[in-house]
């Protein structure tokens, strides 16, 4: 019998709220209010900075560069470096309850990286798991297209009682993603190869976001019993409480309390580990503060 998984789908919302909703859903799965969840959505243009980015001298300029490119800058609690995505992308948040805390982390990177790459191959995409030289936010379990373009970045958050595996898939319209990454990386002083920051459609022009979503859901349906579900007003309220933790100040503004340090939020576990797809960035959270290792 296949394990159940509730499917939540929605279109672009407000960038910070969409990021915060992942945290709210993780809390609800951890507490037992929800069972396992698969959320798939098309995001608003978002430049999601990692924890390590904020310690670089060029960070304030990079935040403004993202805004100038039409992307909402945000601080993500997953991974170590900048990731950018927009309406030509998909974000996948897979959340499950667990009785383990630190086990199976690497197994999930391999399992879902291979699963997503295989799903793309079913629609003719030359998808491969593995880091390509010069890619942004590098990780050994990224999924690339033809060894040239990073198509999927993955990261996860593990708390006591549940895990969140989050992935961004850049499918169409590569120019805005490459442009914002170029501007932000220049401000941060981070070397990278701009050609790696594109979209699947550059090498496979006929591929659409809808086709990729359908392929991924077919892959999931082979392993899980998918049931359509919906978001609630309670989900929205819970997400709103996390928005300040993702918000980045504009020029001359002070950070909101909790806006640049990932402290314990409403219903949040006191113990957590975040990791990127082989990027070597891991953070351990303790109540009301975070100690980050570069």
Protein backbone atom coordinates (compact mmCIF):
# COMPACT_ATOMS: atom_id res chain seq x y z
CA UNK A 1 0.00 0.00 0.00
CA UNK A 2 1.38 3.38 -1.02
CA UNK A 3 1.83 6.01 1.71
CA UNK A 4 -0.64 8.92 1.59
CA UNK A 5 0.47 12.40 0.54
CA UNK A 6 -1.79 15.46 0.44
CA UNK A 7 -1.21 17.59 -2.65
CA UNK A 8 -1.44 21.37 -2.24
CA UNK A 9 -1.24 23.48 -5.40
CA UNK A 10 -1.48 27.24 -5.82
CA UNK A 11 -0.29 30.04 -8.06
CA UNK A 12 2.04 32.91 -7.27
CA UNK A 13 1.31 34.73 -4.05
CA UNK A 14 3.41 37.27 -2.18
CA UNK A 15 7.02 36.09 -2.14
CA UNK A 16 7.62 36.36 1.60
CA UNK A 17 4.30 34.75 2.45
CA UNK A 18 5.00 31.81 0.14
CA UNK A 19 8.37 31.22 1.82
CA UNK A 20 6.75 31.50 5.23
CA UNK A 21 4.02 29.04 4.34
CA UNK A 22 6.60 26.26 4.08
CA UNK A 23 7.56 26.88 7.69
CA UNK A 24 3.93 26.95 8.78
CA UNK A 25 3.18 23.67 7.03
CA UNK A 26 6.27 22.09 8.58
CA UNK A 27 4.94 23.10 11.99
CA UNK A 28 1.52 21.63 11.26
CA UNK A 29 2.97 18.31 10.09
CA UNK A 30 5.30 18.18 13.08
CA UNK A 31 2.41 18.78 15.50
CA UNK A 32 0.21 16.16 13.84
CA UNK A 33 -2.39 18.65 12.63
CA UNK A 34 -1.60 17.53 9.08
CA UNK A 35 -0.23 14.36 7.58
CA UNK A 36 2.46 14.29 4.90
CA UNK A 37 2.17 17.16 2.41
CA UNK A 38 3.39 17.87 -1.12
CA UNK A 39 3.09 21.56 -2.00
CA UNK A 40 3.74 22.62 -5.61
CA UNK A 41 3.41 26.23 -6.70
CA UNK A 42 4.56 28.78 -9.25
CA UNK A 43 6.39 31.48 -7.31
CA UNK A 44 6.54 35.23 -7.60
CA UNK A 45 10.02 36.51 -8.60
CA UNK A 46 12.15 35.84 -5.53
CA UNK A 47 15.85 36.23 -4.74
CA UNK A 48 16.22 33.96 -1.72
CA UNK A 49 19.50 34.74 0.04
CA UNK A 50 21.16 32.05 2.10
CA UNK A 51 22.52 32.37 5.61
CA UNK A 52 26.13 32.70 4.44
CA UNK A 53 25.33 35.55 2.05
CA UNK A 54 24.41 37.95 4.81
CA UNK A 55 27.96 37.88 6.25
CA UNK A 56 29.53 39.20 3.03
CA UNK A 57 30.43 42.89 2.77
CA UNK A 58 28.40 43.27 -0.41
CA UNK A 59 25.18 41.90 1.08
CA UNK A 60 23.29 45.24 1.38
CA UNK A 61 24.18 46.12 -2.22
CA UNK A 62 23.15 42.64 -3.35
CA UNK A 63 19.73 43.04 -1.71
CA UNK A 64 19.18 46.30 -3.59
CA UNK A 65 20.46 44.74 -6.82
CA UNK A 66 17.80 42.03 -6.52
CA UNK A 67 15.09 44.65 -6.03
CA UNK A 68 16.35 46.60 -9.06
CA UNK A 69 15.94 43.42 -11.15
CA UNK A 70 12.32 43.05 -10.07
CA UNK A 71 12.88 40.20 -7.60
CA UNK A 72 11.76 40.32 -3.97
CA UNK A 73 14.84 39.77 -1.78
CA UNK A 74 14.25 37.36 1.08
CA UNK A 75 16.29 35.52 3.67
CA UNK A 76 15.73 31.82 3.44
CA UNK A 77 16.46 29.39 6.23
CA UNK A 78 17.39 26.59 3.85
CA UNK A 79 20.82 26.40 2.29
CA UNK A 80 23.81 28.67 2.23
CA UNK A 81 23.77 30.80 -0.93
CA UNK A 82 21.47 32.85 -3.16
CA UNK A 83 18.81 31.07 -5.22
CA UNK A 84 16.50 32.86 -7.65
CA UNK A 85 13.22 31.77 -9.19
CA UNK A 86 10.16 33.32 -10.81
CA UNK A 87 6.87 32.56 -12.56
CA UNK A 88 8.63 30.34 -15.09
CA UNK A 89 9.62 28.07 -12.22
CA UNK A 90 8.12 25.55 -9.84
CA UNK A 91 8.77 25.24 -6.12
CA UNK A 92 8.22 21.83 -4.53
CA UNK A 93 7.93 21.46 -0.76
CA UNK A 94 7.69 17.85 0.40
CA UNK A 95 7.00 17.58 4.15
CA UNK A 96 6.67 14.41 6.21
CA UNK A 97 6.53 13.51 9.89
CA UNK A 98 9.47 11.51 11.22
CA UNK A 99 10.61 9.92 14.45
CA UNK A 100 14.26 10.46 13.52
CA UNK A 101 16.20 13.73 13.67
CA UNK A 102 19.54 13.53 11.88
CA UNK A 103 19.29 10.23 10.02
CA UNK A 104 18.49 9.82 6.30
CA UNK A 105 19.36 13.43 5.40
CA UNK A 106 21.81 12.47 2.66
CA UNK A 107 19.56 9.61 1.56
CA UNK A 108 16.78 12.13 0.85
CA UNK A 109 19.13 14.27 -1.27
CA UNK A 110 19.99 11.25 -3.40
CA UNK A 111 16.45 9.83 -3.49
CA UNK A 112 14.69 13.01 -4.59
CA UNK A 113 17.51 14.23 -6.82
CA UNK A 114 17.38 10.97 -8.76
CA UNK A 115 13.57 10.94 -8.71
CA UNK A 116 13.29 14.46 -10.14
CA UNK A 117 15.96 13.87 -12.78
CA UNK A 118 14.20 10.66 -13.87
CA UNK A 119 10.86 12.49 -14.07
CA UNK A 120 12.39 15.12 -16.38
CA UNK A 121 13.88 12.42 -18.59
CA UNK A 122 10.39 10.99 -19.20
CA UNK A 123 9.54 14.19 -21.10
CA UNK A 124 12.77 14.23 -23.08
CA UNK A 125 14.96 16.43 -20.86
CA UNK A 126 18.64 15.47 -20.63
CA UNK A 127 18.53 15.67 -16.82
CA UNK A 128 21.42 14.53 -14.65
CA UNK A 129 22.10 14.72 -10.93
CA UNK A 130 25.37 16.35 -9.98
CA UNK A 131 27.14 19.66 -9.55
CA UNK A 132 28.41 21.45 -12.65
CA UNK A 133 31.51 23.67 -12.53
CA UNK A 134 30.73 27.28 -11.66
CA UNK A 135 27.07 26.79 -10.79
CA UNK A 136 25.36 29.16 -8.36
CA UNK A 137 24.63 27.78 -4.90
CA UNK A 138 26.65 24.65 -5.73
CA UNK A 139 25.63 21.21 -4.50
CA UNK A 140 26.50 17.68 -5.50
CA UNK A 141 22.83 16.68 -5.63
CA UNK A 142 21.65 19.51 -7.86
CA UNK A 143 19.93 18.45 -11.08
CA UNK A 144 21.36 19.88 -14.29
CA UNK A 145 20.44 19.79 -17.96
CA UNK A 146 23.05 18.41 -20.31
CA UNK A 147 25.83 19.16 -17.85
CA UNK A 148 25.44 22.85 -18.71
CA UNK A 149 22.53 24.48 -16.83
CA UNK A 150 21.47 24.05 -13.23
CA UNK A 151 17.78 23.21 -13.38
CA UNK A 152 16.90 22.09 -9.85
CA UNK A 153 18.37 23.12 -6.53
CA UNK A 154 17.42 21.20 -3.41
CA UNK A 155 17.66 21.89 0.32
CA UNK A 156 16.08 20.56 3.45
CA UNK A 157 15.12 21.50 6.96
CA UNK A 158 14.86 18.84 9.65
CA UNK A 159 13.15 19.54 12.96
CA UNK A 160 12.29 17.23 15.81
CA UNK A 161 9.27 15.37 14.45
CA UNK A 162 9.29 16.32 10.75
CA UNK A 163 11.36 17.18 7.70
CA UNK A 164 10.94 19.57 4.78
CA UNK A 165 12.60 18.86 1.43
CA UNK A 166 12.36 21.95 -0.78
CA UNK A 167 13.30 22.24 -4.45
CA UNK A 168 13.16 24.99 -7.05
CA UNK A 169 12.88 24.04 -10.72
CA UNK A 170 13.73 26.71 -13.30
CA UNK A 171 11.77 25.75 -16.42
CA UNK A 172 11.13 28.75 -18.67
CA UNK A 173 12.26 32.34 -19.26
CA UNK A 174 15.95 32.10 -18.31
CA UNK A 175 16.95 35.74 -18.90
CA UNK A 176 15.53 37.28 -15.67
CA UNK A 177 17.06 34.53 -13.52
CA UNK A 178 20.49 34.89 -15.13
CA UNK A 179 20.30 38.68 -14.93
CA UNK A 180 19.41 38.84 -11.22
CA UNK A 181 22.00 36.22 -10.31
CA UNK A 182 24.67 38.11 -12.27
CA UNK A 183 23.86 41.38 -10.50
CA UNK A 184 23.65 39.81 -7.04
CA UNK A 185 26.77 37.68 -7.34
CA UNK A 186 28.75 40.70 -8.55
CA UNK A 187 27.62 42.69 -5.51
CA UNK A 188 28.47 39.81 -3.18
CA UNK A 189 31.86 39.30 -4.83
CA UNK A 190 31.11 35.62 -5.51
CA UNK A 191 32.62 34.04 -8.62
CA UNK A 192 30.34 31.86 -10.73
CA UNK A 193 29.68 30.88 -14.34
CA UNK A 194 26.60 32.80 -15.62
CA UNK A 195 25.81 30.21 -18.27
CA UNK A 196 24.87 27.75 -15.52
CA UNK A 197 22.07 30.02 -14.31
CA UNK A 198 19.44 29.49 -16.95
CA UNK A 199 16.37 27.33 -17.49
CA UNK A 200 15.43 23.94 -18.90
CA UNK A 201 13.81 25.58 -21.94
CA UNK A 202 17.18 26.88 -23.17
CA UNK A 203 18.23 23.38 -24.15
CA UNK A 204 14.70 21.98 -24.57
CA UNK A 205 12.60 24.82 -26.10
CA UNK A 206 9.34 22.85 -26.15
CA UNK A 207 9.29 22.21 -22.41
CA UNK A 208 6.71 24.10 -20.32
CA UNK A 209 6.09 24.53 -16.61
CA UNK A 210 2.86 22.56 -17.01
CA UNK A 211 4.69 19.64 -18.64
CA UNK A 212 7.30 19.53 -15.88
CA UNK A 213 4.66 19.67 -13.15
CA UNK A 214 2.73 16.82 -14.78
CA UNK A 215 5.89 14.70 -15.06
CA UNK A 216 6.77 15.26 -11.41
CA UNK A 217 3.25 14.39 -10.27
CA UNK A 218 3.30 11.18 -12.35
CA UNK A 219 6.53 10.25 -10.62
CA UNK A 220 5.07 10.99 -7.19
CA UNK A 221 1.90 9.04 -7.95
CA UNK A 222 3.96 5.91 -8.55
CA UNK A 223 5.29 6.06 -4.98
CA UNK A 224 2.51 7.82 -3.06
CA UNK A 225 -1.27 7.91 -2.86
CA UNK A 226 -1.87 11.54 -3.82
CA UNK A 227 -5.01 13.30 -2.56
CA UNK A 228 -5.87 16.89 -3.46
CA UNK A 229 -6.11 19.20 -0.49
CA UNK A 230 -6.35 22.91 0.20
CA UNK A 231 -4.80 25.64 2.27
CA UNK A 232 -6.78 27.13 5.14
CA UNK A 233 -7.13 30.48 6.85
CA UNK A 234 -5.21 28.99 9.78
CA UNK A 235 -2.33 28.19 7.41
CA UNK A 236 -2.29 31.80 6.24
CA UNK A 237 -2.24 33.12 9.81
CA UNK A 238 0.57 30.78 10.79
CA UNK A 239 2.58 31.80 7.73
CA UNK A 240 2.14 35.51 8.51
CA UNK A 241 3.95 35.01 11.82
CA UNK A 242 7.07 33.88 9.94
CA UNK A 243 7.15 36.69 7.36
CA UNK A 244 9.41 38.98 9.46
CA UNK A 245 12.04 36.24 9.58
CA UNK A 246 12.31 36.24 5.78
CA UNK A 247 12.02 40.00 5.20
CA UNK A 248 15.17 41.95 4.33
CA UNK A 249 15.35 45.70 4.97
CA UNK A 250 15.65 48.23 2.18
CA UNK A 251 18.30 50.90 1.95
CA UNK A 252 18.51 52.78 5.24
CA UNK A 253 15.97 50.57 7.00
CA UNK A 254 16.58 48.64 10.16
CA UNK A 255 15.91 44.94 10.17
CA UNK A 256 12.67 43.87 11.81
CA UNK A 257 13.09 41.83 14.98
CA UNK A 258 13.90 38.31 13.87
CA UNK A 259 14.30 39.46 10.28
CA UNK A 260 17.93 38.49 9.90
CA UNK A 261 18.36 35.84 12.60
CA UNK A 262 16.32 32.68 12.42
CA UNK A 263 15.02 32.42 15.94
CA UNK A 264 12.39 30.12 17.30
CA UNK A 265 9.05 31.05 15.78
CA UNK A 266 5.51 30.17 16.74
CA UNK A 267 5.23 26.42 17.22
CA UNK A 268 8.82 25.96 16.08
CA UNK A 269 10.96 23.11 17.35
CA UNK A 270 13.88 24.12 19.52
CA UNK A 271 16.19 21.83 17.52
CA UNK A 272 16.64 22.00 13.78
CA UNK A 273 19.17 21.31 11.05
CA UNK A 274 19.20 22.92 7.61
CA UNK A 275 21.29 21.63 4.73
CA UNK A 276 21.75 22.30 1.03
CA UNK A 277 22.23 19.69 -1.69
CA UNK A 278 25.81 18.85 -0.91
CA UNK A 279 26.78 22.48 -0.59
CA UNK A 280 28.44 21.89 2.75
CA UNK A 281 26.37 24.48 4.60
CA UNK A 282 24.73 23.29 7.78
CA UNK A 283 23.17 25.26 10.61
CA UNK A 284 22.06 24.08 14.03
CA UNK A 285 19.27 26.06 15.65
CA UNK A 286 18.83 26.51 19.38
CA UNK A 287 15.99 28.38 21.11
CA UNK A 288 15.85 32.07 20.17
CA UNK A 289 19.10 32.06 18.17
CA UNK A 290 21.04 30.37 15.41
CA UNK A 291 24.68 29.45 15.23
CA UNK A 292 25.75 29.20 11.59
CA UNK A 293 28.83 27.48 10.23
CA UNK A 294 30.11 28.67 6.85
